Protein backbone atom coordinates (compact mmCIF):
# COMPACT_ATOMS: atom_id res chain seq x y z
CA PHE A 1 21.00 -3.16 -0.57
CA ASP A 2 20.82 0.36 -1.87
CA LEU A 3 19.53 3.24 0.18
CA MET A 4 18.75 6.52 -1.58
CA LEU A 5 17.53 9.80 -0.22
CA GLY A 6 14.98 11.94 -2.01
CA ASP A 7 11.31 12.59 -2.72
CA THR A 8 10.18 9.26 -4.13
CA LEU A 9 6.67 10.41 -5.04
CA LEU A 10 8.03 13.12 -7.31
CA PHE A 11 11.41 11.75 -8.40
CA PRO A 12 11.96 8.00 -7.98
CA LYS A 13 15.63 7.23 -7.32
CA PHE A 14 15.69 3.60 -8.48
CA LYS A 15 15.87 3.79 -12.27
CA GLU A 16 16.62 1.55 -15.23
CA LYS A 17 17.32 3.01 -18.65
CA ASP A 18 14.55 5.55 -19.36
CA SER A 19 12.17 4.57 -16.56
CA PHE A 20 11.81 3.78 -12.90
CA LYS A 21 12.98 0.35 -11.80
CA LYS A 22 10.51 -2.51 -11.40
CA PHE A 23 10.85 -5.25 -8.80
CA ASP A 24 9.51 -8.77 -8.23
CA TYR A 25 8.29 -7.73 -4.79
CA VAL A 26 7.70 -4.38 -3.12
CA ILE A 27 7.19 -4.44 0.64
CA ALA A 28 6.60 -1.10 2.35
CA ASN A 29 5.18 0.86 5.23
CA PRO A 30 4.99 4.34 3.63
CA PRO A 31 4.22 7.52 5.60
CA TRP A 32 0.54 7.44 6.49
CA ASN A 33 -1.70 10.37 5.53
CA GLN A 34 1.23 12.41 4.25
CA ASP A 35 -0.08 15.73 2.99
CA GLY A 36 0.91 17.90 0.07
CA TYR A 37 0.77 15.38 -2.82
CA ASN A 38 -2.30 16.32 -4.80
CA GLU A 39 -2.65 16.28 -8.60
CA GLU A 40 -0.99 19.67 -9.09
CA ASN A 41 2.10 18.67 -7.11
CA LEU A 42 2.40 15.09 -8.41
CA LYS A 43 2.29 16.30 -12.02
CA LYS A 44 5.58 18.15 -11.37
CA GLY A 45 7.28 14.78 -10.91
CA GLU A 46 8.62 12.08 -13.20
CA TYR A 47 6.74 9.19 -14.90
CA VAL A 48 3.38 10.57 -13.75
CA LYS A 49 1.19 8.67 -16.24
CA GLU A 50 2.94 5.37 -15.57
CA ARG A 51 2.91 5.67 -11.79
CA PHE A 52 -0.52 7.21 -11.14
CA PRO A 53 -2.82 5.69 -13.77
CA PHE A 54 -5.79 5.38 -11.44
CA GLY A 55 -5.98 9.03 -10.43
CA PHE A 56 -4.63 11.51 -7.94
CA PRO A 57 -5.41 11.74 -4.24
CA THR A 58 -6.35 14.92 -2.40
CA LYS A 59 -3.79 17.16 -0.74
CA GLN A 60 -4.71 15.70 2.67
CA SER A 61 -3.42 12.14 2.15
CA ALA A 62 -0.88 10.63 -0.23
CA ASP A 63 -1.74 7.06 0.77
CA TRP A 64 -3.01 6.13 -2.70
CA ALA A 65 -0.17 7.95 -4.40
CA TRP A 66 2.25 5.75 -2.46
CA ILE A 67 0.21 2.65 -3.21
CA GLN A 68 0.02 3.40 -6.94
CA HIS A 69 3.76 4.11 -7.06
CA MET A 70 4.46 0.74 -5.45
CA ILE A 71 2.07 -1.15 -7.73
CA ALA A 72 3.74 0.55 -10.72
CA SER A 73 7.13 -0.44 -9.29
CA THR A 74 6.33 -4.14 -9.47
CA LYS A 75 6.99 -6.29 -12.52
CA GLU A 76 4.08 -7.68 -14.56
CA ASP A 77 3.99 -10.82 -12.40
CA GLY A 78 5.00 -9.02 -9.20
CA LYS A 79 3.45 -8.41 -5.81
CA ALA A 80 3.32 -5.37 -3.57
CA ILE A 81 2.56 -5.73 0.12
CA ILE A 82 1.81 -2.44 1.87
CA VAL A 83 1.08 -1.56 5.49
CA ILE A 84 -1.12 1.51 5.63
CA ASP A 85 -3.65 3.36 7.79
CA THR A 86 -7.15 1.85 7.81
CA GLY A 87 -8.51 5.13 6.41
CA ALA A 88 -6.96 4.19 3.08
CA VAL A 89 -9.61 1.49 2.60
CA SER A 90 -12.55 3.53 3.81
CA ARG A 91 -12.18 7.18 2.83
CA GLY A 92 -14.46 8.48 0.07
CA GLY A 93 -13.98 10.99 -2.70
CA ARG A 94 -10.92 10.67 -4.93
CA GLU A 95 -9.50 7.82 -2.86
CA LYS A 96 -12.65 5.77 -3.34
CA LEU A 97 -12.46 6.28 -7.12
CA ILE A 98 -8.82 5.16 -7.16
CA ARG A 99 -9.69 2.05 -5.07
CA GLN A 100 -12.59 1.22 -7.39
CA LYS A 101 -10.33 1.32 -10.46
CA ILE A 102 -7.72 -0.85 -8.76
CA ILE A 103 -10.41 -3.35 -7.77
CA GLU A 104 -11.77 -3.37 -11.31
CA LYS A 105 -8.24 -4.23 -12.55
CA ASP A 106 -8.33 -7.14 -10.02
CA LEU A 107 -5.04 -6.14 -8.40
CA ILE A 108 -5.96 -6.64 -4.74
CA GLU A 109 -5.46 -10.17 -3.47
CA ALA A 110 -5.99 -9.63 0.26
CA VAL A 111 -6.67 -7.03 2.93
CA ILE A 112 -5.68 -7.86 6.50
CA LEU A 113 -7.00 -5.72 9.35
CA LEU A 114 -4.35 -5.54 12.08
CA PRO A 115 -4.84 -4.82 15.80
CA GLU A 116 -4.47 -1.34 17.21
CA LYS A 117 -1.35 -0.17 19.05
CA LEU A 118 1.15 -2.25 17.01
CA PHE A 119 3.26 0.73 15.95
CA TYR A 120 5.34 3.08 18.07
CA ASN A 121 4.12 6.27 16.43
CA THR A 122 0.36 5.63 16.49
CA GLY A 123 -2.26 3.69 18.37
CA ALA A 124 -4.39 3.43 15.23
CA PRO A 125 -4.92 0.04 13.61
CA ALA A 126 -3.44 -0.66 10.21
CA VAL A 127 -4.22 -2.83 7.23
CA ILE A 128 -1.89 -4.87 5.11
CA ILE A 129 -2.96 -4.77 1.47
CA VAL A 130 -1.57 -7.46 -0.79
CA PHE A 131 -1.49 -6.52 -4.47
CA ASN A 132 -0.84 -9.24 -7.03
CA LYS A 133 -0.51 -8.48 -10.74
CA LYS A 134 -0.81 -12.16 -11.63
CA LYS A 135 -3.37 -13.75 -9.34
CA PRO A 136 -3.81 -17.52 -9.51
CA GLU A 137 -6.97 -18.57 -11.34
CA GLU A 138 -8.78 -19.57 -8.13
CA ARG A 139 -8.29 -16.06 -6.68
CA LYS A 140 -9.28 -14.02 -9.74
CA ASN A 141 -12.06 -11.48 -9.10
CA LYS A 142 -11.89 -12.19 -5.37
CA ILE A 143 -10.40 -10.33 -2.43
CA LEU A 144 -9.52 -12.24 0.72
CA LEU A 145 -10.53 -10.21 3.80
CA ILE A 146 -8.92 -11.18 7.10
CA ASN A 147 -9.98 -9.59 10.37
CA ALA A 148 -6.90 -10.05 12.58
CA SER A 149 -7.83 -7.19 14.93
CA LYS A 150 -8.14 -9.52 17.93
CA GLU A 151 -4.87 -11.41 17.23
CA PHE A 152 -2.32 -9.80 19.52
CA ILE A 153 -0.47 -10.01 22.80
CA PRO A 154 -1.60 -7.03 24.91
CA GLY A 155 0.96 -4.59 26.17
CA LYS A 156 0.71 -1.47 28.32
CA LYS A 157 1.69 0.99 25.62
CA GLN A 158 2.04 -1.29 22.64
CA ASN A 159 0.55 -4.57 21.48
CA THR A 160 2.60 -7.22 19.68
CA LEU A 161 1.97 -10.14 17.37
CA GLY A 162 3.27 -13.43 18.75
CA GLU A 163 4.21 -16.46 16.68
CA GLU A 164 0.84 -18.05 17.42
CA ASN A 165 -1.01 -14.91 16.26
CA ILE A 166 1.03 -14.78 13.06
CA GLN A 167 0.43 -18.46 12.31
CA LYS A 168 -3.33 -18.10 12.87
CA ILE A 169 -3.50 -15.04 10.58
CA ALA A 170 -1.45 -16.80 7.89
CA LYS A 171 -3.62 -19.93 8.06
């Protein structure tokens, strides 16, 4: 594996020839609601048109900048699987417009609502969004929605997903 330090949203570190590198699969849990990455700031970076074709988020949350970067970083038949704050699928304004364009391009295969208190740094629930650039015919123009918010093993400070929970969600 390669680990590189830097500001990915402005200057991607994984590059090939004259562009950023593309992968078969991108799996990530980017920083949630990271601020400071609005249109003005993102336009100072590299490969802006290629990485943010659906628009720019507000300064308050870079969630859809991260998501677009990861979609752009997948090959034409690739998938991106992203764990993100639930607000990313419900906020309005610019984020709603970006989501609409991504839905119109039929890039979202599934959205899985996770239980709260799964992560050390927040009690908020998350979603897993599965992006697929080459959906199978039977899944075209459809989005699978899975409510897994009740699938967990309760803990005092943190909930966990057991093997049974994971199998049920996957099924």
